[in-house]
Amino acid sequence: MKLTNIQALRACAALMLVVYHCGIETARIAAAAGGNALFEVEPWGEGVPIFFAISGFIMVVTSADEFGSAAAAINFMRRRIVRIVPLYWLVTTFALGVALYAPNLLKAPSGDHHYLAASYLFWPATNAAGYVRPLVAPGWTLNLEMLFYAVFAAALLFRRGIGLFFLFASLGVLVAARVSGLLSSVPLNFWGDPIVLGFLLGAATGLAFNKGWRLSGRSAVTLAAVGFAIIFLRWMPDAEETALSMRLAEAVPTGLILIAFALGPQIDERFRLWRPALVIGDASYSLYLVHEFLLRLLSFLWLKGAAAIWPLWLFIPAGIAVSSLVALTTYRYFERPATRWLNGLDVRKIIALVGLADVSAEAHTAAGGNSPTTVKRRANRDRAVIAR
């Protein structure tokens, strides 16, 4: 079964973030002309917790039968690395070229090789502006994703009940320690951000899905509508919220929306009206990583000429169109081929090629090789949507 609803929700979350950054860029353009921002951007940033919840949901759903196996833990991390790393490293290398040309543009610490290494290795590090952000700013969420992947891989070493307890307890304790001010280092403080509770929200929804819980179409539409209404109606000009209260407030609409999409009737992918959403959902990871660069470039070009001719609101559909087109191209010609190629590699041949040694069938299976059991599991996973 392909989770078409989750694909559509991915597209929705990615496009929300594109609109969010369109709002930031139009505010910058308006300020240059002495005007005001077009709209309040904060609600659109809720695409991030929705993405985290989707990740938690997909990890639990696709790994339901894999607990209690070291081989499963290794193979899980291999699949995640294959899925995440190639495109991220490509975009990071592009960002590095920009940083070398104009360090202030990306707020990269000049000549800081530790920061550059951290940016490639998903390790939280502080940039020149004092924010914990890698060279590719949207990559801050991937630093949290990698934490979740590592904890989830460790959970797979245990039987399901113990593993799930370990997953929830580990992230819960980490957040509690951060909120209590017990964490001193930059990485631990960053990883303890209460936003990681979104992963657990998604994981809990995944457990409900695996148990066969489902919603009627009317109930799903109602929950989704309420969730989006909370997002776009609750945002008021500021309210001195703590990090924990803010993240808990985000969890309510995020949970309603995820439950609606995950447990409601699946979209029929043959219905043409939904095709654009499903296609953008496929390319949502590419869209997430490339859109901020593209919008900044479009903003620069807009200030050079278009600002004097076109109304500022046109920047938003233009930004969405340009970002989507480049993301779809990136997905088709790099992300998807690279992922397929890496997944198709024979690990035994690679290890033999570098002369490490002969590998047993068991070790090959642990690394994700083509044993009958692995092939069966992989076929089952391919029927589901693989998280970004």
Protein backbone atom coordinates (compact mmCIF):
# COMPACT_ATOMS: atom_id res chain seq x y z
CA MET A 1 0.00 0.00 0.00
CA LYS A 2 1.35 3.38 -0.99
CA LEU A 3 0.61 6.15 1.50
CA THR A 4 -0.53 8.76 -1.00
CA ASN A 5 -1.94 10.99 1.73
CA ILE A 6 1.50 11.31 3.29
CA GLN A 7 2.94 12.28 -0.10
CA ALA A 8 0.33 15.02 -0.40
CA LEU A 9 1.06 16.18 3.15
CA ARG A 10 4.77 16.33 2.33
CA ALA A 11 3.98 18.56 -0.64
CA CYS A 12 1.84 20.77 1.59
CA ALA A 13 4.58 21.10 4.24
CA ALA A 14 7.26 21.88 1.64
CA LEU A 15 5.12 24.51 -0.09
CA MET A 16 4.30 26.11 3.27
CA LEU A 17 8.02 26.61 3.80
CA VAL A 18 8.44 28.05 0.31
CA VAL A 19 5.71 30.59 1.10
CA TYR A 20 7.39 31.26 4.46
CA HIS A 21 10.66 32.21 2.77
CA CYS A 22 8.81 34.13 0.06
CA GLY A 23 7.40 36.19 2.92
CA ILE A 24 10.87 36.82 4.31
CA GLU A 25 12.21 37.89 0.92
CA THR A 26 9.22 40.14 0.12
CA ALA A 27 9.61 41.78 3.54
CA ARG A 28 13.24 42.50 2.68
CA ILE A 29 12.26 43.93 -0.70
CA ALA A 30 9.50 46.03 0.86
CA ALA A 31 11.86 47.35 3.54
CA ALA A 32 14.32 48.45 0.86
CA ALA A 33 11.52 50.55 -0.65
CA GLY A 34 10.34 51.85 2.72
CA GLY A 35 7.21 49.67 2.75
CA ASN A 36 5.73 46.98 4.99
CA ALA A 37 5.72 43.20 4.81
CA LEU A 38 2.94 41.63 2.73
CA PHE A 39 1.83 39.09 5.36
CA GLU A 40 2.68 37.40 8.64
CA VAL A 41 5.13 34.61 7.83
CA GLU A 42 5.19 32.65 11.09
CA PRO A 43 2.19 30.34 10.47
CA TRP A 44 3.76 29.14 7.22
CA GLY A 45 6.85 27.99 9.13
CA GLU A 46 4.73 25.25 10.68
CA GLY A 47 5.74 23.11 7.74
CA VAL A 48 8.83 22.10 9.78
CA PRO A 49 7.03 20.35 12.68
CA ILE A 50 4.74 18.70 10.13
CA PHE A 51 7.84 17.27 8.38
CA PHE A 52 9.19 15.97 11.70
CA ALA A 53 5.88 14.30 12.52
CA ILE A 54 5.83 12.67 9.07
CA SER A 55 9.35 11.27 9.69
CA GLY A 56 8.35 9.74 13.00
CA PHE A 57 5.24 8.22 11.47
CA ILE A 58 7.04 6.70 8.48
CA MET A 59 9.91 5.29 10.55
CA VAL A 60 7.51 3.34 12.77
CA VAL A 61 5.24 2.19 9.93
CA THR A 62 8.03 0.95 7.65
CA SER A 63 10.03 -0.71 10.44
CA ALA A 64 7.16 -2.37 12.31
CA ASP A 65 8.54 -5.91 11.79
CA GLU A 66 12.24 -5.13 12.12
CA PHE A 67 12.73 -4.69 15.86
CA GLY A 68 15.15 -6.95 17.70
CA SER A 69 17.77 -7.18 14.95
CA ALA A 70 21.24 -5.68 14.67
CA ALA A 71 21.05 -6.24 10.92
CA ALA A 72 17.84 -4.21 10.76
CA ALA A 73 19.45 -1.34 12.69
CA ILE A 74 22.43 -1.28 10.33
CA ASN A 75 20.27 -1.50 7.24
CA PHE A 76 17.96 1.23 8.55
CA MET A 77 20.87 3.67 8.92
CA ARG A 78 22.23 2.68 5.51
CA ARG A 79 18.88 3.47 3.88
CA ARG A 80 18.63 6.79 5.70
CA ILE A 81 22.15 7.83 4.72
CA VAL A 82 21.55 6.87 1.09
CA ARG A 83 18.32 8.86 1.11
CA ILE A 84 19.60 12.01 2.83
CA VAL A 85 23.32 12.46 2.26
CA PRO A 86 23.97 12.71 -1.53
CA LEU A 87 21.70 15.68 -2.24
CA TYR A 88 22.59 17.39 1.02
CA TRP A 89 26.30 17.12 0.30
CA LEU A 90 25.77 18.43 -3.23
CA VAL A 91 23.87 21.47 -1.97
CA THR A 92 26.39 21.98 0.85
CA THR A 93 29.25 21.95 -1.66
CA PHE A 94 27.42 24.58 -3.70
CA ALA A 95 26.93 26.63 -0.53
CA LEU A 96 30.64 26.26 0.28
CA GLY A 97 31.51 27.77 -3.10
CA VAL A 98 29.21 30.70 -2.34
CA ALA A 99 30.69 31.07 1.15
CA LEU A 100 34.24 31.17 -0.22
CA TYR A 101 33.20 33.89 -2.65
CA ALA A 102 31.08 35.89 -0.18
CA PRO A 103 31.48 34.67 3.46
CA ASN A 104 29.05 37.24 4.87
CA LEU A 105 26.27 36.11 2.58
CA LEU A 106 25.90 32.75 4.35
CA LYS A 107 27.29 33.93 7.71
CA ALA A 108 29.95 31.22 7.53
CA PRO A 109 32.88 31.57 9.97
CA SER A 110 35.84 32.44 7.77
CA GLY A 111 38.44 29.67 7.63
CA ASP A 112 36.70 27.60 10.32
CA HIS A 113 37.37 24.06 9.11
CA HIS A 114 35.60 22.53 12.12
CA TYR A 115 32.41 24.39 11.16
CA LEU A 116 32.70 23.21 7.56
CA ALA A 117 33.21 19.60 8.66
CA ALA A 118 30.24 19.89 11.03
CA SER A 119 28.10 21.16 8.15
CA TYR A 120 28.86 18.06 6.11
CA LEU A 121 28.55 15.63 9.04
CA PHE A 122 25.18 16.82 10.41
CA TRP A 123 26.81 18.02 13.62
CA PRO A 124 25.30 21.14 15.28
CA ALA A 125 27.71 24.10 15.12
CA THR A 126 27.40 27.86 15.51
CA ASN A 127 27.74 30.16 12.50
CA ALA A 128 29.15 33.68 12.41
CA ALA A 129 25.79 35.17 13.39
CA GLY A 130 25.64 33.06 16.55
CA TYR A 131 22.94 30.66 15.32
CA VAL A 132 23.27 26.88 15.30
CA ARG A 133 22.99 26.50 11.55
CA PRO A 134 25.06 24.62 8.93
CA LEU A 135 26.19 26.19 5.66
CA VAL A 136 22.88 25.17 4.12
CA ALA A 137 20.51 26.86 6.57
CA PRO A 138 17.58 24.44 6.07
CA GLY A 139 20.00 21.67 7.07
CA TRP A 140 19.41 22.46 10.74
CA THR A 141 16.37 20.18 10.58
CA LEU A 142 18.51 17.40 9.12
CA ASN A 143 20.80 17.66 12.16
CA LEU A 144 17.73 16.79 14.23
CA GLU A 145 16.64 14.13 11.74
CA MET A 146 19.99 12.39 12.10
CA LEU A 147 19.63 12.40 15.87
CA PHE A 148 16.23 10.74 15.50
CA TYR A 149 17.61 8.21 13.02
CA ALA A 150 20.44 7.28 15.40
CA VAL A 151 18.08 6.85 18.36
CA PHE A 152 15.60 4.89 16.24
CA ALA A 153 18.37 2.62 14.92
CA ALA A 154 19.39 1.92 18.54
CA ALA A 155 15.73 1.17 19.36
CA LEU A 156 15.67 -1.43 16.57
CA LEU A 157 18.27 -3.46 18.49
CA PHE A 158 15.62 -4.37 21.07
CA ARG A 159 12.30 -6.16 20.96
CA ARG A 160 9.50 -3.86 19.82
CA GLY A 161 8.07 -2.94 23.22
CA ILE A 162 11.46 -2.24 24.78
CA GLY A 163 12.69 -0.48 21.65
CA LEU A 164 9.72 1.87 21.51
CA PHE A 165 10.07 2.62 25.22
CA PHE A 166 13.75 3.42 24.62
CA LEU A 167 12.82 5.72 21.72
CA PHE A 168 10.23 7.72 23.64
CA ALA A 169 12.22 7.80 26.88
CA SER A 170 15.49 8.88 25.23
CA LEU A 171 14.05 11.86 23.40
CA GLY A 172 11.77 12.73 26.31
CA VAL A 173 14.67 12.81 28.80
CA LEU A 174 16.78 14.84 26.37
CA VAL A 175 14.04 17.48 26.03
CA ALA A 176 13.44 17.52 29.78
CA ALA A 177 17.17 18.07 30.41
CA ARG A 178 17.26 20.94 27.91
CA VAL A 179 14.17 22.61 29.39
CA SER A 180 15.63 22.22 32.90
CA GLY A 181 18.87 23.91 31.83
CA LEU A 182 20.98 20.84 32.53
CA LEU A 183 22.65 20.73 29.11
CA SER A 184 25.70 22.88 28.53
CA SER A 185 27.19 21.94 25.16
CA VAL A 186 25.93 23.36 21.86
CA PRO A 187 25.04 19.97 20.31
CA LEU A 188 23.13 18.70 23.35
CA ASN A 189 21.22 21.95 23.75
CA PHE A 190 20.34 21.89 20.08
CA TRP A 191 19.25 18.25 20.09
CA GLY A 192 17.14 18.88 23.21
CA ASP A 193 14.93 21.42 21.45
CA PRO A 194 11.32 20.46 22.28
CA ILE A 195 10.60 20.43 18.55
CA VAL A 196 11.97 16.85 18.52
CA LEU A 197 8.76 15.84 20.31
CA GLY A 198 7.23 16.09 16.84
CA PHE A 199 9.06 12.87 15.95
CA LEU A 200 7.40 11.14 18.90
CA LEU A 201 4.02 12.53 17.88
CA GLY A 202 4.51 10.96 14.46
CA ALA A 203 5.74 7.71 15.99
CA ALA A 204 2.62 7.49 18.18
CA THR A 205 0.45 8.03 15.09
CA GLY A 206 2.41 5.29 13.33
CA LEU A 207 1.64 2.89 16.18
CA ALA A 208 -2.06 3.69 15.82
CA PHE A 209 -1.80 3.09 12.06
CA ASN A 210 -0.10 -0.27 12.58
CA LYS A 211 -2.86 -1.30 14.98
CA GLY A 212 -5.41 -0.69 12.24
CA TRP A 213 -6.95 2.53 13.51
CA ARG A 214 -8.64 4.47 10.71
CA LEU A 215 -10.86 7.54 10.28
CA SER A 216 -13.81 8.13 8.01
CA GLY A 217 -13.38 10.64 5.21
CA ARG A 218 -15.59 13.19 6.98
CA SER A 219 -13.67 12.88 10.26
CA ALA A 220 -10.32 13.20 8.48
CA VAL A 221 -11.38 16.35 6.60
CA THR A 222 -12.73 17.87 9.82
CA LEU A 223 -9.54 17.20 11.78
CA ALA A 224 -7.34 18.57 8.98
CA ALA A 225 -9.49 21.70 8.69
CA VAL A 226 -9.33 22.30 12.45
CA GLY A 227 -5.56 21.77 12.45
CA PHE A 228 -4.91 24.25 9.67
CA ALA A 229 -7.37 26.73 11.21
CA ILE A 230 -5.43 26.62 14.49
CA ILE A 231 -2.17 27.24 12.64
CA PHE A 232 -3.39 30.23 10.70
CA LEU A 233 -5.69 31.78 13.31
CA ARG A 234 -3.72 31.41 16.52
CA TRP A 235 -0.72 33.46 15.40
CA MET A 236 -0.86 36.86 17.06
CA PRO A 237 1.87 39.52 17.29
CA ASP A 238 3.99 38.13 19.90
CA ALA A 239 3.32 36.45 23.18
CA GLU A 240 6.46 35.73 25.20
CA GLU A 241 6.28 32.00 24.85
CA THR A 242 8.84 29.59 26.24
CA ALA A 243 10.38 27.08 23.87
CA LEU A 244 8.44 24.24 25.50
CA SER A 245 5.05 25.96 25.50
CA MET A 246 5.55 27.07 21.89
CA ARG A 247 6.42 23.55 20.74
CA LEU A 248 3.53 22.03 22.68
CA ALA A 249 1.20 24.56 21.08
CA GLU A 250 2.54 23.54 17.67
CA ALA A 251 1.95 19.88 18.50
CA VAL A 252 -1.83 20.30 18.65
CA PRO A 253 -2.46 21.35 15.02
CA THR A 254 0.43 19.20 13.77
CA GLY A 255 -1.06 16.15 15.47
CA LEU A 256 -4.55 16.81 14.13
CA ILE A 257 -3.25 17.26 10.59
CA LEU A 258 -1.02 14.17 10.67
CA ILE A 259 -3.76 12.00 12.16
CA ALA A 260 -6.18 13.21 9.48
CA PHE A 261 -3.80 12.46 6.61
CA ALA A 262 -2.35 9.24 8.05
CA LEU A 263 -5.52 7.57 9.26
CA GLY A 264 -8.01 8.94 6.74
CA PRO A 265 -8.93 7.25 3.43
CA GLN A 266 -6.00 7.23 1.01
CA ILE A 267 -6.07 9.48 -2.04
CA ASP A 268 -6.58 7.63 -5.31
CA GLU A 269 -3.41 8.50 -7.23
CA ARG A 270 -5.25 7.94 -10.51
CA PHE A 271 -7.37 11.01 -9.77
CA ARG A 272 -5.68 13.74 -11.82
CA LEU A 273 -6.57 16.55 -9.45
CA TRP A 274 -4.12 15.11 -6.91
CA ARG A 275 -1.27 14.42 -9.33
CA PRO A 276 0.56 17.75 -8.80
CA ALA A 277 0.52 17.24 -5.02
CA LEU A 278 1.86 13.69 -5.35
CA VAL A 279 4.59 14.76 -7.79
CA ILE A 280 5.70 17.62 -5.52
CA GLY A 281 5.52 15.22 -2.58
CA ASP A 282 8.04 12.98 -4.36
CA ALA A 283 10.36 15.97 -4.83
CA SER A 284 9.70 17.54 -1.41
CA TYR A 285 13.22 16.86 -0.11
CA SER A 286 14.77 18.57 -3.14
CA LEU A 287 12.29 21.42 -2.80
CA TYR A 288 13.13 21.83 0.87
CA LEU A 289 16.88 22.05 0.28
CA VAL A 290 17.03 24.24 -2.84
CA HIS A 291 14.20 26.75 -2.43
CA GLU A 292 15.92 29.15 -0.01
CA PHE A 293 18.88 29.69 -2.37
CA LEU A 294 16.56 30.24 -5.31
CA LEU A 295 14.35 32.72 -3.47
CA ARG A 296 17.35 34.74 -2.32
CA LEU A 297 18.59 34.90 -5.93
CA LEU A 298 15.12 35.84 -7.16
CA SER A 299 14.96 38.55 -4.51
CA PHE A 300 18.27 39.97 -5.73
CA LEU A 301 17.07 40.00 -9.34
CA TRP A 302 13.73 41.48 -8.30
CA LEU A 303 15.43 44.42 -6.63
CA LYS A 304 17.53 44.96 -9.75
CA GLY A 305 14.57 45.47 -12.05
CA ALA A 306 11.24 43.76 -11.51
CA ALA A 307 10.46 45.74 -8.34
CA ALA A 308 9.94 48.87 -10.42
CA ILE A 309 7.56 47.13 -12.86
CA TRP A 310 5.59 44.36 -11.14
CA PRO A 311 3.56 44.41 -7.91
CA LEU A 312 5.36 42.78 -5.02
CA TRP A 313 2.73 40.06 -4.50
CA LEU A 314 3.77 38.50 -7.82
CA PHE A 315 7.02 37.46 -6.13
CA ILE A 316 5.13 34.71 -4.29
CA PRO A 317 3.72 32.75 -7.27
CA ALA A 318 6.98 33.39 -9.13
CA GLY A 319 8.98 32.03 -6.19
CA ILE A 320 6.76 28.95 -5.89
CA ALA A 321 6.99 28.26 -9.62
CA VAL A 322 10.78 28.68 -9.85
CA SER A 323 11.42 26.64 -6.69
CA SER A 324 9.11 23.83 -7.78
CA LEU A 325 10.55 23.63 -11.29
CA VAL A 326 14.16 23.46 -10.08
CA ALA A 327 13.25 20.98 -7.35
CA LEU A 328 11.46 18.66 -9.77
CA THR A 329 14.46 18.82 -12.11
CA THR A 330 16.86 18.12 -9.23
CA TYR A 331 14.74 15.20 -8.07
CA ARG A 332 14.46 13.65 -11.52
CA TYR A 333 18.05 14.05 -12.64
CA PHE A 334 20.01 13.75 -9.38
CA GLU A 335 18.14 12.76 -6.23
CA ARG A 336 16.19 9.80 -7.60
CA PRO A 337 19.00 8.36 -9.80
CA ALA A 338 21.58 8.76 -7.03
CA THR A 339 19.33 7.03 -4.50
CA ARG A 340 18.56 4.16 -6.87
CA TRP A 341 22.20 3.71 -7.81
CA LEU A 342 23.40 3.64 -4.20
CA ASN A 343 20.63 1.26 -3.17
CA GLY A 344 21.60 -1.05 -6.03
CA LEU A 345 25.25 -1.32 -5.08
CA ASP A 346 26.50 -4.74 -4.04
CA VAL A 347 28.16 -4.18 -0.67
CA ARG A 348 30.24 -7.37 -0.91
CA LYS A 349 31.83 -6.24 -4.18
CA ILE A 350 32.65 -2.82 -2.75
CA ILE A 351 34.32 -4.29 0.33
CA ALA A 352 36.23 -6.80 -1.80
CA LEU A 353 37.26 -4.01 -4.15
CA VAL A 354 38.95 -2.05 -1.37
CA GLY A 355 40.61 -5.29 -0.23
CA LEU A 356 39.19 -5.44 3.27
CA ALA A 357 38.26 -9.12 3.20
CA ASP A 358 35.68 -11.67 2.21
CA VAL A 359 32.32 -11.01 3.74
CA SER A 360 29.99 -13.68 5.02
CA ALA A 361 26.38 -13.89 3.88
CA GLU A 362 25.28 -12.81 7.36
CA ALA A 363 27.44 -9.67 7.28
CA HIS A 364 26.23 -8.94 3.79
CA THR A 365 22.64 -9.12 5.00
CA ALA A 366 23.43 -6.74 7.88
CA ALA A 367 24.82 -4.27 5.40
CA GLY A 368 21.68 -4.40 3.33
CA GLY A 369 22.56 -7.12 0.86
CA ASN A 370 20.17 -9.13 -1.25
CA SER A 371 19.33 -12.07 1.02
CA PRO A 372 15.82 -13.46 0.55
CA THR A 373 14.70 -11.89 3.84
CA THR A 374 16.15 -8.51 2.91
CA VAL A 375 14.58 -8.61 -0.55
CA LYS A 376 11.18 -9.37 0.97
CA ARG A 377 11.46 -6.57 3.49
CA ARG A 378 12.66 -4.15 0.85
CA ALA A 379 9.71 -5.02 -1.38
CA ASN A 380 7.32 -4.38 1.50
CA ARG A 381 8.97 -1.04 2.25
CA ASP A 382 8.79 0.00 -1.38
CA ARG A 383 5.02 -0.17 -1.18
CA ALA A 384 5.08 2.53 1.48
CA VAL A 385 6.27 6.09 1.25
CA ILE A 386 9.88 6.50 2.35
CA ALA A 387 10.38 9.57 4.51
CA ARG A 388 12.72 12.36 3.41
